[in-house]
Structure formats: structure tokens, C-alpha cells
PDBML (XML) file of the C-alpha atoms, coordinates in Angstrom:
<?xml version="1.0" encoding="UTF-8" ?>
<PDBx:datablock datablockName="MODEL"
   xmlns:PDBx="http://pdbml.pdb.org/schema/pdbx-v50.xsd"
   xmlns:xsi="http://www.w3.org/2001/XMLSchema-instance"
   xsi:schemaLocation="http://pdbml.pdb.org/schema/pdbx-v50.xsd pdbx-v50.xsd">
   <PDBx:atom_siteCategory>
      <PDBx:atom_site id="1">
         <PDBx:B_iso_or_equiv>0.00</PDBx:B_iso_or_equiv>
         <PDBx:Cartn_x>-11.428</PDBx:Cartn_x>
         <PDBx:Cartn_y>25.957</PDBx:Cartn_y>
         <PDBx:Cartn_z>2.425</PDBx:Cartn_z>
         <PDBx:auth_asym_id>A</PDBx:auth_asym_id>
         <PDBx:auth_atom_id>CA</PDBx:auth_atom_id>
         <PDBx:auth_comp_id>LYS</PDBx:auth_comp_id>
         <PDBx:auth_seq_id>1</PDBx:auth_seq_id>
         <PDBx:group_PDB>ATOM</PDBx:group_PDB>
         <PDBx:label_alt_id xsi:nil="true" />
         <PDBx:label_asym_id>A</PDBx:label_asym_id>
         <PDBx:label_atom_id>CA</PDBx:label_atom_id>
         <PDBx:label_comp_id>LYS</PDBx:label_comp_id>
         <PDBx:label_entity_id>1</PDBx:label_entity_id>
         <PDBx:label_seq_id>1</PDBx:label_seq_id>
         <PDBx:occupancy>1.00</PDBx:occupancy>
         <PDBx:pdbx_PDB_model_num>1</PDBx:pdbx_PDB_model_num>
         <PDBx:type_symbol>C</PDBx:type_symbol>
      </PDBx:atom_site>
      <PDBx:atom_site id="2">
         <PDBx:B_iso_or_equiv>0.00</PDBx:B_iso_or_equiv>
         <PDBx:Cartn_x>-8.790</PDBx:Cartn_x>
         <PDBx:Cartn_y>25.465</PDBx:Cartn_y>
         <PDBx:Cartn_z>5.119</PDBx:Cartn_z>
         <PDBx:auth_asym_id>A</PDBx:auth_asym_id>
         <PDBx:auth_atom_id>CA</PDBx:auth_atom_id>
         <PDBx:auth_comp_id>CYS</PDBx:auth_comp_id>
         <PDBx:auth_seq_id>2</PDBx:auth_seq_id>
         <PDBx:group_PDB>ATOM</PDBx:group_PDB>
         <PDBx:label_alt_id xsi:nil="true" />
         <PDBx:label_asym_id>A</PDBx:label_asym_id>
         <PDBx:label_atom_id>CA</PDBx:label_atom_id>
         <PDBx:label_comp_id>CYS</PDBx:label_comp_id>
         <PDBx:label_entity_id>1</PDBx:label_entity_id>
         <PDBx:label_seq_id>2</PDBx:label_seq_id>
         <PDBx:occupancy>1.00</PDBx:occupancy>
         <PDBx:pdbx_PDB_model_num>1</PDBx:pdbx_PDB_model_num>
         <PDBx:type_symbol>C</PDBx:type_symbol>
      </PDBx:atom_site>
      <PDBx:atom_site id="3">
         <PDBx:B_iso_or_equiv>0.00</PDBx:B_iso_or_equiv>
         <PDBx:Cartn_x>-10.363</PDBx:Cartn_x>
         <PDBx:Cartn_y>24.299</PDBx:Cartn_y>
         <PDBx:Cartn_z>8.395</PDBx:Cartn_z>
         <PDBx:auth_asym_id>A</PDBx:auth_asym_id>
         <PDBx:auth_atom_id>CA</PDBx:auth_atom_id>
         <PDBx:auth_comp_id>THR</PDBx:auth_comp_id>
         <PDBx:auth_seq_id>3</PDBx:auth_seq_id>
         <PDBx:group_PDB>ATOM</PDBx:group_PDB>
         <PDBx:label_alt_id xsi:nil="true" />
         <PDBx:label_asym_id>A</PDBx:label_asym_id>
         <PDBx:label_atom_id>CA</PDBx:label_atom_id>
         <PDBx:label_comp_id>THR</PDBx:label_comp_id>
         <PDBx:label_entity_id>1</PDBx:label_entity_id>
         <PDBx:label_seq_id>3</PDBx:label_seq_id>
         <PDBx:occupancy>1.00</PDBx:occupancy>
         <PDBx:pdbx_PDB_model_num>1</PDBx:pdbx_PDB_model_num>
         <PDBx:type_symbol>C</PDBx:type_symbol>
      </PDBx:atom_site>
      <PDBx:atom_site id="4">
         <PDBx:B_iso_or_equiv>0.00</PDBx:B_iso_or_equiv>
         <PDBx:Cartn_x>-7.426</PDBx:Cartn_x>
         <PDBx:Cartn_y>24.882</PDBx:Cartn_y>
         <PDBx:Cartn_z>10.759</PDBx:Cartn_z>
         <PDBx:auth_asym_id>A</PDBx:auth_asym_id>
         <PDBx:auth_atom_id>CA</PDBx:auth_atom_id>
         <PDBx:auth_comp_id>THR</PDBx:auth_comp_id>
         <PDBx:auth_seq_id>4</PDBx:auth_seq_id>
         <PDBx:group_PDB>ATOM</PDBx:group_PDB>
         <PDBx:label_alt_id xsi:nil="true" />
         <PDBx:label_asym_id>A</PDBx:label_asym_id>
         <PDBx:label_atom_id>CA</PDBx:label_atom_id>
         <PDBx:label_comp_id>THR</PDBx:label_comp_id>
         <PDBx:label_entity_id>1</PDBx:label_entity_id>
         <PDBx:label_seq_id>4</PDBx:label_seq_id>
         <PDBx:occupancy>1.00</PDBx:occupancy>
         <PDBx:pdbx_PDB_model_num>1</PDBx:pdbx_PDB_model_num>
         <PDBx:type_symbol>C</PDBx:type_symbol>
      </PDBx:atom_site>
      <PDBx:atom_site id="5">
         <PDBx:B_iso_or_equiv>0.00</PDBx:B_iso_or_equiv>
         <PDBx:Cartn_x>-7.499</PDBx:Cartn_x>
         <PDBx:Cartn_y>27.879</PDBx:Cartn_y>
         <PDBx:Cartn_z>13.077</PDBx:Cartn_z>
         <PDBx:auth_asym_id>A</PDBx:auth_asym_id>
         <PDBx:auth_atom_id>CA</PDBx:auth_atom_id>
         <PDBx:auth_comp_id>GLY</PDBx:auth_comp_id>
         <PDBx:auth_seq_id>5</PDBx:auth_seq_id>
         <PDBx:group_PDB>ATOM</PDBx:group_PDB>
         <PDBx:label_alt_id xsi:nil="true" />
         <PDBx:label_asym_id>A</PDBx:label_asym_id>
         <PDBx:label_atom_id>CA</PDBx:label_atom_id>
         <PDBx:label_comp_id>GLY</PDBx:label_comp_id>
         <PDBx:label_entity_id>1</PDBx:label_entity_id>
         <PDBx:label_seq_id>5</PDBx:label_seq_id>
         <PDBx:occupancy>1.00</PDBx:occupancy>
         <PDBx:pdbx_PDB_model_num>1</PDBx:pdbx_PDB_model_num>
         <PDBx:type_symbol>C</PDBx:type_symbol>
      </PDBx:atom_site>
      <PDBx:atom_site id="6">
         <PDBx:B_iso_or_equiv>0.00</PDBx:B_iso_or_equiv>
         <PDBx:Cartn_x>-4.098</PDBx:Cartn_x>
         <PDBx:Cartn_y>29.088</PDBx:Cartn_y>
         <PDBx:Cartn_z>11.886</PDBx:Cartn_z>
         <PDBx:auth_asym_id>A</PDBx:auth_asym_id>
         <PDBx:auth_atom_id>CA</PDBx:auth_atom_id>
         <PDBx:auth_comp_id>SER</PDBx:auth_comp_id>
         <PDBx:auth_seq_id>6</PDBx:auth_seq_id>
         <PDBx:group_PDB>ATOM</PDBx:group_PDB>
         <PDBx:label_alt_id xsi:nil="true" />
         <PDBx:label_asym_id>A</PDBx:label_asym_id>
         <PDBx:label_atom_id>CA</PDBx:label_atom_id>
         <PDBx:label_comp_id>SER</PDBx:label_comp_id>
         <PDBx:label_entity_id>1</PDBx:label_entity_id>
         <PDBx:label_seq_id>6</PDBx:label_seq_id>
         <PDBx:occupancy>1.00</PDBx:occupancy>
         <PDBx:pdbx_PDB_model_num>1</PDBx:pdbx_PDB_model_num>
         <PDBx:type_symbol>C</PDBx:type_symbol>
      </PDBx:atom_site>
      <PDBx:atom_site id="7">
         <PDBx:B_iso_or_equiv>0.00</PDBx:B_iso_or_equiv>
         <PDBx:Cartn_x>-4.746</PDBx:Cartn_x>
         <PDBx:Cartn_y>28.622</PDBx:Cartn_y>
         <PDBx:Cartn_z>8.173</PDBx:Cartn_z>
         <PDBx:auth_asym_id>A</PDBx:auth_asym_id>
         <PDBx:auth_atom_id>CA</PDBx:auth_atom_id>
         <PDBx:auth_comp_id>GLY</PDBx:auth_comp_id>
         <PDBx:auth_seq_id>7</PDBx:auth_seq_id>
         <PDBx:group_PDB>ATOM</PDBx:group_PDB>
         <PDBx:label_alt_id xsi:nil="true" />
         <PDBx:label_asym_id>A</PDBx:label_asym_id>
         <PDBx:label_atom_id>CA</PDBx:label_atom_id>
         <PDBx:label_comp_id>GLY</PDBx:label_comp_id>
         <PDBx:label_entity_id>1</PDBx:label_entity_id>
         <PDBx:label_seq_id>7</PDBx:label_seq_id>
         <PDBx:occupancy>1.00</PDBx:occupancy>
         <PDBx:pdbx_PDB_model_num>1</PDBx:pdbx_PDB_model_num>
         <PDBx:type_symbol>C</PDBx:type_symbol>
      </PDBx:atom_site>
      <PDBx:atom_site id="8">
         <PDBx:B_iso_or_equiv>0.00</PDBx:B_iso_or_equiv>
         <PDBx:Cartn_x>-1.567</PDBx:Cartn_x>
         <PDBx:Cartn_y>26.517</PDBx:Cartn_y>
         <PDBx:Cartn_z>8.141</PDBx:Cartn_z>
         <PDBx:auth_asym_id>A</PDBx:auth_asym_id>
         <PDBx:auth_atom_id>CA</PDBx:auth_atom_id>
         <PDBx:auth_comp_id>GLU</PDBx:auth_comp_id>
         <PDBx:auth_seq_id>8</PDBx:auth_seq_id>
         <PDBx:group_PDB>ATOM</PDBx:group_PDB>
         <PDBx:label_alt_id xsi:nil="true" />
         <PDBx:label_asym_id>A</PDBx:label_asym_id>
         <PDBx:label_atom_id>CA</PDBx:label_atom_id>
         <PDBx:label_comp_id>GLU</PDBx:label_comp_id>
         <PDBx:label_entity_id>1</PDBx:label_entity_id>
         <PDBx:label_seq_id>8</PDBx:label_seq_id>
         <PDBx:occupancy>1.00</PDBx:occupancy>
         <PDBx:pdbx_PDB_model_num>1</PDBx:pdbx_PDB_model_num>
         <PDBx:type_symbol>C</PDBx:type_symbol>
      </PDBx:atom_site>
      <PDBx:atom_site id="9">
         <PDBx:B_iso_or_equiv>0.00</PDBx:B_iso_or_equiv>
         <PDBx:Cartn_x>-1.104</PDBx:Cartn_x>
         <PDBx:Cartn_y>22.753</PDBx:Cartn_y>
         <PDBx:Cartn_z>7.779</PDBx:Cartn_z>
         <PDBx:auth_asym_id>A</PDBx:auth_asym_id>
         <PDBx:auth_atom_id>CA</PDBx:auth_atom_id>
         <PDBx:auth_comp_id>ILE</PDBx:auth_comp_id>
         <PDBx:auth_seq_id>9</PDBx:auth_seq_id>
         <PDBx:group_PDB>ATOM</PDBx:group_PDB>
         <PDBx:label_alt_id xsi:nil="true" />
         <PDBx:label_asym_id>A</PDBx:label_asym_id>
         <PDBx:label_atom_id>CA</PDBx:label_atom_id>
         <PDBx:label_comp_id>ILE</PDBx:label_comp_id>
         <PDBx:label_entity_id>1</PDBx:label_entity_id>
         <PDBx:label_seq_id>9</PDBx:label_seq_id>
         <PDBx:occupancy>1.00</PDBx:occupancy>
         <PDBx:pdbx_PDB_model_num>1</PDBx:pdbx_PDB_model_num>
         <PDBx:type_symbol>C</PDBx:type_symbol>
      </PDBx:atom_site>
      <PDBx:atom_site id="10">
         <PDBx:B_iso_or_equiv>0.00</PDBx:B_iso_or_equiv>
         <PDBx:Cartn_x>-1.209</PDBx:Cartn_x>
         <PDBx:Cartn_y>21.447</PDBx:Cartn_y>
         <PDBx:Cartn_z>11.344</PDBx:Cartn_z>
         <PDBx:auth_asym_id>A</PDBx:auth_asym_id>
         <PDBx:auth_atom_id>CA</PDBx:auth_atom_id>
         <PDBx:auth_comp_id>GLU</PDBx:auth_comp_id>
         <PDBx:auth_seq_id>10</PDBx:auth_seq_id>
         <PDBx:group_PDB>ATOM</PDBx:group_PDB>
         <PDBx:label_alt_id xsi:nil="true" />
         <PDBx:label_asym_id>A</PDBx:label_asym_id>
         <PDBx:label_atom_id>CA</PDBx:label_atom_id>
         <PDBx:label_comp_id>GLU</PDBx:label_comp_id>
         <PDBx:label_entity_id>1</PDBx:label_entity_id>
         <PDBx:label_seq_id>10</PDBx:label_seq_id>
         <PDBx:occupancy>1.00</PDBx:occupancy>
         <PDBx:pdbx_PDB_model_num>1</PDBx:pdbx_PDB_model_num>
         <PDBx:type_symbol>C</PDBx:type_symbol>
      </PDBx:atom_site>
      <PDBx:atom_site id="11">
         <PDBx:B_iso_or_equiv>0.00</PDBx:B_iso_or_equiv>
         <PDBx:Cartn_x>-1.383</PDBx:Cartn_x>
         <PDBx:Cartn_y>17.694</PDBx:Cartn_y>
         <PDBx:Cartn_z>10.716</PDBx:Cartn_z>
         <PDBx:auth_asym_id>A</PDBx:auth_asym_id>
         <PDBx:auth_atom_id>CA</PDBx:auth_atom_id>
         <PDBx:auth_comp_id>SER</PDBx:auth_comp_id>
         <PDBx:auth_seq_id>11</PDBx:auth_seq_id>
         <PDBx:group_PDB>ATOM</PDBx:group_PDB>
         <PDBx:label_alt_id xsi:nil="true" />
         <PDBx:label_asym_id>A</PDBx:label_asym_id>
         <PDBx:label_atom_id>CA</PDBx:label_atom_id>
         <PDBx:label_comp_id>SER</PDBx:label_comp_id>
         <PDBx:label_entity_id>1</PDBx:label_entity_id>
         <PDBx:label_seq_id>11</PDBx:label_seq_id>
         <PDBx:occupancy>1.00</PDBx:occupancy>
         <PDBx:pdbx_PDB_model_num>1</PDBx:pdbx_PDB_model_num>
         <PDBx:type_symbol>C</PDBx:type_symbol>
      </PDBx:atom_site>
      <PDBx:atom_site id="12">
         <PDBx:B_iso_or_equiv>0.00</PDBx:B_iso_or_equiv>
         <PDBx:Cartn_x>0.062</PDBx:Cartn_x>
         <PDBx:Cartn_y>15.641</PDBx:Cartn_y>
         <PDBx:Cartn_z>7.861</PDBx:Cartn_z>
         <PDBx:auth_asym_id>A</PDBx:auth_asym_id>
         <PDBx:auth_atom_id>CA</PDBx:auth_atom_id>
         <PDBx:auth_comp_id>TYR</PDBx:auth_comp_id>
         <PDBx:auth_seq_id>12</PDBx:auth_seq_id>
         <PDBx:group_PDB>ATOM</PDBx:group_PDB>
         <PDBx:label_alt_id xsi:nil="true" />
         <PDBx:label_asym_id>A</PDBx:label_asym_id>
         <PDBx:label_atom_id>CA</PDBx:label_atom_id>
         <PDBx:label_comp_id>TYR</PDBx:label_comp_id>
         <PDBx:label_entity_id>1</PDBx:label_entity_id>
         <PDBx:label_seq_id>12</PDBx:label_seq_id>
         <PDBx:occupancy>1.00</PDBx:occupancy>
         <PDBx:pdbx_PDB_model_num>1</PDBx:pdbx_PDB_model_num>
         <PDBx:type_symbol>C</PDBx:type_symbol>
      </PDBx:atom_site>
      <PDBx:atom_site id="13">
         <PDBx:B_iso_or_equiv>0.00</PDBx:B_iso_or_equiv>
         <PDBx:Cartn_x>-2.328</PDBx:Cartn_x>
         <PDBx:Cartn_y>12.858</PDBx:Cartn_y>
         <PDBx:Cartn_z>8.841</PDBx:Cartn_z>
         <PDBx:auth_asym_id>A</PDBx:auth_asym_id>
         <PDBx:auth_atom_id>CA</PDBx:auth_atom_id>
         <PDBx:auth_comp_id>CYS</PDBx:auth_comp_id>
         <PDBx:auth_seq_id>13</PDBx:auth_seq_id>
         <PDBx:group_PDB>ATOM</PDBx:group_PDB>
         <PDBx:label_alt_id xsi:nil="true" />
         <PDBx:label_asym_id>A</PDBx:label_asym_id>
         <PDBx:label_atom_id>CA</PDBx:label_atom_id>
         <PDBx:label_comp_id>CYS</PDBx:label_comp_id>
         <PDBx:label_entity_id>1</PDBx:label_entity_id>
         <PDBx:label_seq_id>13</PDBx:label_seq_id>
         <PDBx:occupancy>1.00</PDBx:occupancy>
         <PDBx:pdbx_PDB_model_num>1</PDBx:pdbx_PDB_model_num>
         <PDBx:type_symbol>C</PDBx:type_symbol>
      </PDBx:atom_site>
      <PDBx:atom_site id="14">
         <PDBx:B_iso_or_equiv>0.00</PDBx:B_iso_or_equiv>
         <PDBx:Cartn_x>-5.196</PDBx:Cartn_x>
         <PDBx:Cartn_y>14.906</PDBx:Cartn_y>
         <PDBx:Cartn_z>7.391</PDBx:Cartn_z>
         <PDBx:auth_asym_id>A</PDBx:auth_asym_id>
         <PDBx:auth_atom_id>CA</PDBx:auth_atom_id>
         <PDBx:auth_comp_id>ASP</PDBx:auth_comp_id>
         <PDBx:auth_seq_id>14</PDBx:auth_seq_id>
         <PDBx:group_PDB>ATOM</PDBx:group_PDB>
         <PDBx:label_alt_id xsi:nil="true" />
         <PDBx:label_asym_id>A</PDBx:label_asym_id>
         <PDBx:label_atom_id>CA</PDBx:label_atom_id>
         <PDBx:label_comp_id>ASP</PDBx:label_comp_id>
         <PDBx:label_entity_id>1</PDBx:label_entity_id>
         <PDBx:label_seq_id>14</PDBx:label_seq_id>
         <PDBx:occupancy>1.00</PDBx:occupancy>
         <PDBx:pdbx_PDB_model_num>1</PDBx:pdbx_PDB_model_num>
         <PDBx:type_symbol>C</PDBx:type_symbol>
      </PDBx:atom_site>
      <PDBx:atom_site id="15">
         <PDBx:B_iso_or_equiv>0.00</PDBx:B_iso_or_equiv>
         <PDBx:Cartn_x>-5.089</PDBx:Cartn_x>
         <PDBx:Cartn_y>14.949</PDBx:Cartn_y>
         <PDBx:Cartn_z>3.581</PDBx:Cartn_z>
         <PDBx:auth_asym_id>A</PDBx:auth_asym_id>
         <PDBx:auth_atom_id>CA</PDBx:auth_atom_id>
         <PDBx:auth_comp_id>ALA</PDBx:auth_comp_id>
         <PDBx:auth_seq_id>15</PDBx:auth_seq_id>
         <PDBx:group_PDB>ATOM</PDBx:group_PDB>
         <PDBx:label_alt_id xsi:nil="true" />
         <PDBx:label_asym_id>A</PDBx:label_asym_id>
         <PDBx:label_atom_id>CA</PDBx:label_atom_id>
         <PDBx:label_comp_id>ALA</PDBx:label_comp_id>
         <PDBx:label_entity_id>1</PDBx:label_entity_id>
         <PDBx:label_seq_id>15</PDBx:label_seq_id>
         <PDBx:occupancy>1.00</PDBx:occupancy>
         <PDBx:pdbx_PDB_model_num>1</PDBx:pdbx_PDB_model_num>
         <PDBx:type_symbol>C</PDBx:type_symbol>
      </PDBx:atom_site>
      <PDBx:atom_site id="16">
         <PDBx:B_iso_or_equiv>0.00</PDBx:B_iso_or_equiv>
         <PDBx:Cartn_x>-7.562</PDBx:Cartn_x>
         <PDBx:Cartn_y>17.835</PDBx:Cartn_y>
         <PDBx:Cartn_z>3.353</PDBx:Cartn_z>
         <PDBx:auth_asym_id>A</PDBx:auth_asym_id>
         <PDBx:auth_atom_id>CA</PDBx:auth_atom_id>
         <PDBx:auth_comp_id>ARG</PDBx:auth_comp_id>
         <PDBx:auth_seq_id>16</PDBx:auth_seq_id>
         <PDBx:group_PDB>ATOM</PDBx:group_PDB>
         <PDBx:label_alt_id xsi:nil="true" />
         <PDBx:label_asym_id>A</PDBx:label_asym_id>
         <PDBx:label_atom_id>CA</PDBx:label_atom_id>
         <PDBx:label_comp_id>ARG</PDBx:label_comp_id>
         <PDBx:label_entity_id>1</PDBx:label_entity_id>
         <PDBx:label_seq_id>16</PDBx:label_seq_id>
         <PDBx:occupancy>1.00</PDBx:occupancy>
         <PDBx:pdbx_PDB_model_num>1</PDBx:pdbx_PDB_model_num>
         <PDBx:type_symbol>C</PDBx:type_symbol>
      </PDBx:atom_site>
      <PDBx:atom_site id="17">
         <PDBx:B_iso_or_equiv>0.00</PDBx:B_iso_or_equiv>
         <PDBx:Cartn_x>-5.331</PDBx:Cartn_x>
         <PDBx:Cartn_y>20.047</PDBx:Cartn_y>
         <PDBx:Cartn_z>5.498</PDBx:Cartn_z>
         <PDBx:auth_asym_id>A</PDBx:auth_asym_id>
         <PDBx:auth_atom_id>CA</PDBx:auth_atom_id>
         <PDBx:auth_comp_id>GLN</PDBx:auth_comp_id>
         <PDBx:auth_seq_id>17</PDBx:auth_seq_id>
         <PDBx:group_PDB>ATOM</PDBx:group_PDB>
         <PDBx:label_alt_id xsi:nil="true" />
         <PDBx:label_asym_id>A</PDBx:label_asym_id>
         <PDBx:label_atom_id>CA</PDBx:label_atom_id>
         <PDBx:label_comp_id>GLN</PDBx:label_comp_id>
         <PDBx:label_entity_id>1</PDBx:label_entity_id>
         <PDBx:label_seq_id>17</PDBx:label_seq_id>
         <PDBx:occupancy>1.00</PDBx:occupancy>
         <PDBx:pdbx_PDB_model_num>1</PDBx:pdbx_PDB_model_num>
         <PDBx:type_symbol>C</PDBx:type_symbol>
      </PDBx:atom_site>
      <PDBx:atom_site id="18">
         <PDBx:B_iso_or_equiv>0.00</PDBx:B_iso_or_equiv>
         <PDBx:Cartn_x>-2.246</PDBx:Cartn_x>
         <PDBx:Cartn_y>19.139</PDBx:Cartn_y>
         <PDBx:Cartn_z>3.481</PDBx:Cartn_z>
         <PDBx:auth_asym_id>A</PDBx:auth_asym_id>
         <PDBx:auth_atom_id>CA</PDBx:auth_atom_id>
         <PDBx:auth_comp_id>VAL</PDBx:auth_comp_id>
         <PDBx:auth_seq_id>18</PDBx:auth_seq_id>
         <PDBx:group_PDB>ATOM</PDBx:group_PDB>
         <PDBx:label_alt_id xsi:nil="true" />
         <PDBx:label_asym_id>A</PDBx:label_asym_id>
         <PDBx:label_atom_id>CA</PDBx:label_atom_id>
         <PDBx:label_comp_id>VAL</PDBx:label_comp_id>
         <PDBx:label_entity_id>1</PDBx:label_entity_id>
         <PDBx:label_seq_id>18</PDBx:label_seq_id>
         <PDBx:occupancy>1.00</PDBx:occupancy>
         <PDBx:pdbx_PDB_model_num>1</PDBx:pdbx_PDB_model_num>
         <PDBx:type_symbol>C</PDBx:type_symbol>
      </PDBx:atom_site>
      <PDBx:atom_site id="19">
         <PDBx:B_iso_or_equiv>0.00</PDBx:B_iso_or_equiv>
         <PDBx:Cartn_x>-3.966</PDBx:Cartn_x>
         <PDBx:Cartn_y>20.084</PDBx:Cartn_y>
         <PDBx:Cartn_z>0.219</PDBx:Cartn_z>
         <PDBx:auth_asym_id>A</PDBx:auth_asym_id>
         <PDBx:auth_atom_id>CA</PDBx:auth_atom_id>
         <PDBx:auth_comp_id>ARG</PDBx:auth_comp_id>
         <PDBx:auth_seq_id>19</PDBx:auth_seq_id>
         <PDBx:group_PDB>ATOM</PDBx:group_PDB>
         <PDBx:label_alt_id xsi:nil="true" />
         <PDBx:label_asym_id>A</PDBx:label_asym_id>
         <PDBx:label_atom_id>CA</PDBx:label_atom_id>
         <PDBx:label_comp_id>ARG</PDBx:label_comp_id>
         <PDBx:label_entity_id>1</PDBx:label_entity_id>
         <PDBx:label_seq_id>19</PDBx:label_seq_id>
         <PDBx:occupancy>1.00</PDBx:occupancy>
         <PDBx:pdbx_PDB_model_num>1</PDBx:pdbx_PDB_model_num>
         <PDBx:type_symbol>C</PDBx:type_symbol>
      </PDBx:atom_site>
      <PDBx:atom_site id="20">
         <PDBx:B_iso_or_equiv>0.00</PDBx:B_iso_or_equiv>
         <PDBx:Cartn_x>-6.185</PDBx:Cartn_x>
         <PDBx:Cartn_y>23.004</PDBx:Cartn_y>
         <PDBx:Cartn_z>1.268</PDBx:Cartn_z>
         <PDBx:auth_asym_id>A</PDBx:auth_asym_id>
         <PDBx:auth_atom_id>CA</PDBx:auth_atom_id>
         <PDBx:auth_comp_id>ASN</PDBx:auth_comp_id>
         <PDBx:auth_seq_id>20</PDBx:auth_seq_id>
         <PDBx:group_PDB>ATOM</PDBx:group_PDB>
         <PDBx:label_alt_id xsi:nil="true" />
         <PDBx:label_asym_id>A</PDBx:label_asym_id>
         <PDBx:label_atom_id>CA</PDBx:label_atom_id>
         <PDBx:label_comp_id>ASN</PDBx:label_comp_id>
         <PDBx:label_entity_id>1</PDBx:label_entity_id>
         <PDBx:label_seq_id>20</PDBx:label_seq_id>
         <PDBx:occupancy>1.00</PDBx:occupancy>
         <PDBx:pdbx_PDB_model_num>1</PDBx:pdbx_PDB_model_num>
         <PDBx:type_symbol>C</PDBx:type_symbol>
      </PDBx:atom_site>
      <PDBx:atom_site id="21">
         <PDBx:B_iso_or_equiv>0.00</PDBx:B_iso_or_equiv>
         <PDBx:Cartn_x>-4.128</PDBx:Cartn_x>
         <PDBx:Cartn_y>24.832</PDBx:Cartn_y>
         <PDBx:Cartn_z>3.911</PDBx:Cartn_z>
         <PDBx:auth_asym_id>A</PDBx:auth_asym_id>
         <PDBx:auth_atom_id>CA</PDBx:auth_atom_id>
         <PDBx:auth_comp_id>CYS</PDBx:auth_comp_id>
         <PDBx:auth_seq_id>21</PDBx:auth_seq_id>
         <PDBx:group_PDB>ATOM</PDBx:group_PDB>
         <PDBx:label_alt_id xsi:nil="true" />
         <PDBx:label_asym_id>A</PDBx:label_asym_id>
         <PDBx:label_atom_id>CA</PDBx:label_atom_id>
         <PDBx:label_comp_id>CYS</PDBx:label_comp_id>
         <PDBx:label_entity_id>1</PDBx:label_entity_id>
         <PDBx:label_seq_id>21</PDBx:label_seq_id>
         <PDBx:occupancy>1.00</PDBx:occupancy>
         <PDBx:pdbx_PDB_model_num>1</PDBx:pdbx_PDB_model_num>
         <PDBx:type_symbol>C</PDBx:type_symbol>
      </PDBx:atom_site>
      <PDBx:atom_site id="22">
         <PDBx:B_iso_or_equiv>0.00</PDBx:B_iso_or_equiv>
         <PDBx:Cartn_x>-0.968</PDBx:Cartn_x>
         <PDBx:Cartn_y>26.884</PDBx:Cartn_y>
         <PDBx:Cartn_z>3.668</PDBx:Cartn_z>
         <PDBx:auth_asym_id>A</PDBx:auth_asym_id>
         <PDBx:auth_atom_id>CA</PDBx:auth_atom_id>
         <PDBx:auth_comp_id>ARG</PDBx:auth_comp_id>
         <PDBx:auth_seq_id>22</PDBx:auth_seq_id>
         <PDBx:group_PDB>ATOM</PDBx:group_PDB>
         <PDBx:label_alt_id xsi:nil="true" />
         <PDBx:label_asym_id>A</PDBx:label_asym_id>
         <PDBx:label_atom_id>CA</PDBx:label_atom_id>
         <PDBx:label_comp_id>ARG</PDBx:label_comp_id>
         <PDBx:label_entity_id>1</PDBx:label_entity_id>
         <PDBx:label_seq_id>22</PDBx:label_seq_id>
         <PDBx:occupancy>1.00</PDBx:occupancy>
         <PDBx:pdbx_PDB_model_num>1</PDBx:pdbx_PDB_model_num>
         <PDBx:type_symbol>C</PDBx:type_symbol>
      </PDBx:atom_site>
      <PDBx:atom_site id="23">
         <PDBx:B_iso_or_equiv>0.00</PDBx:B_iso_or_equiv>
         <PDBx:Cartn_x>2.426</PDBx:Cartn_x>
         <PDBx:Cartn_y>25.205</PDBx:Cartn_y>
         <PDBx:Cartn_z>3.522</PDBx:Cartn_z>
         <PDBx:auth_asym_id>A</PDBx:auth_asym_id>
         <PDBx:auth_atom_id>CA</PDBx:auth_atom_id>
         <PDBx:auth_comp_id>LEU</PDBx:auth_comp_id>
         <PDBx:auth_seq_id>23</PDBx:auth_seq_id>
         <PDBx:group_PDB>ATOM</PDBx:group_PDB>
         <PDBx:label_alt_id xsi:nil="true" />
         <PDBx:label_asym_id>A</PDBx:label_asym_id>
         <PDBx:label_atom_id>CA</PDBx:label_atom_id>
         <PDBx:label_comp_id>LEU</PDBx:label_comp_id>
         <PDBx:label_entity_id>1</PDBx:label_entity_id>
         <PDBx:label_seq_id>23</PDBx:label_seq_id>
         <PDBx:occupancy>1.00</PDBx:occupancy>
         <PDBx:pdbx_PDB_model_num>1</PDBx:pdbx_PDB_model_num>
         <PDBx:type_symbol>C</PDBx:type_symbol>
      </PDBx:atom_site>
      <PDBx:atom_site id="24">
         <PDBx:B_iso_or_equiv>0.00</PDBx:B_iso_or_equiv>
         <PDBx:Cartn_x>4.726</PDBx:Cartn_x>
         <PDBx:Cartn_y>27.315</PDBx:Cartn_y>
         <PDBx:Cartn_z>5.745</PDBx:Cartn_z>
         <PDBx:auth_asym_id>A</PDBx:auth_asym_id>
         <PDBx:auth_atom_id>CA</PDBx:auth_atom_id>
         <PDBx:auth_comp_id>VAL</PDBx:auth_comp_id>
         <PDBx:auth_seq_id>24</PDBx:auth_seq_id>
         <PDBx:group_PDB>ATOM</PDBx:group_PDB>
         <PDBx:label_alt_id xsi:nil="true" />
         <PDBx:label_asym_id>A</PDBx:label_asym_id>
         <PDBx:label_atom_id>CA</PDBx:label_atom_id>
         <PDBx:label_comp_id>VAL</PDBx:label_comp_id>
         <PDBx:label_entity_id>1</PDBx:label_entity_id>
         <PDBx:label_seq_id>24</PDBx:label_seq_id>
         <PDBx:occupancy>1.00</PDBx:occupancy>
         <PDBx:pdbx_PDB_model_num>1</PDBx:pdbx_PDB_model_num>
         <PDBx:type_symbol>C</PDBx:type_symbol>
      </PDBx:atom_site>
   </PDBx:atom_siteCategory>
</PDBx:datablock>
């Protein structure tokens, strides 16, 4: 579900990243 290349949260301005990608 995470759409960033790294699989990590890359932008806290994107709610989907913050909730679907890995925190640290």
C-alpha cells in the first residue's frame, strides 16, 4: 500500500504516506 520508493514515510504532508508507509 505504501507508494514511496523507499517504503518509508518521506513526507508528513501526505497523510497516506504517514499512515501506510513505515515509520523509521
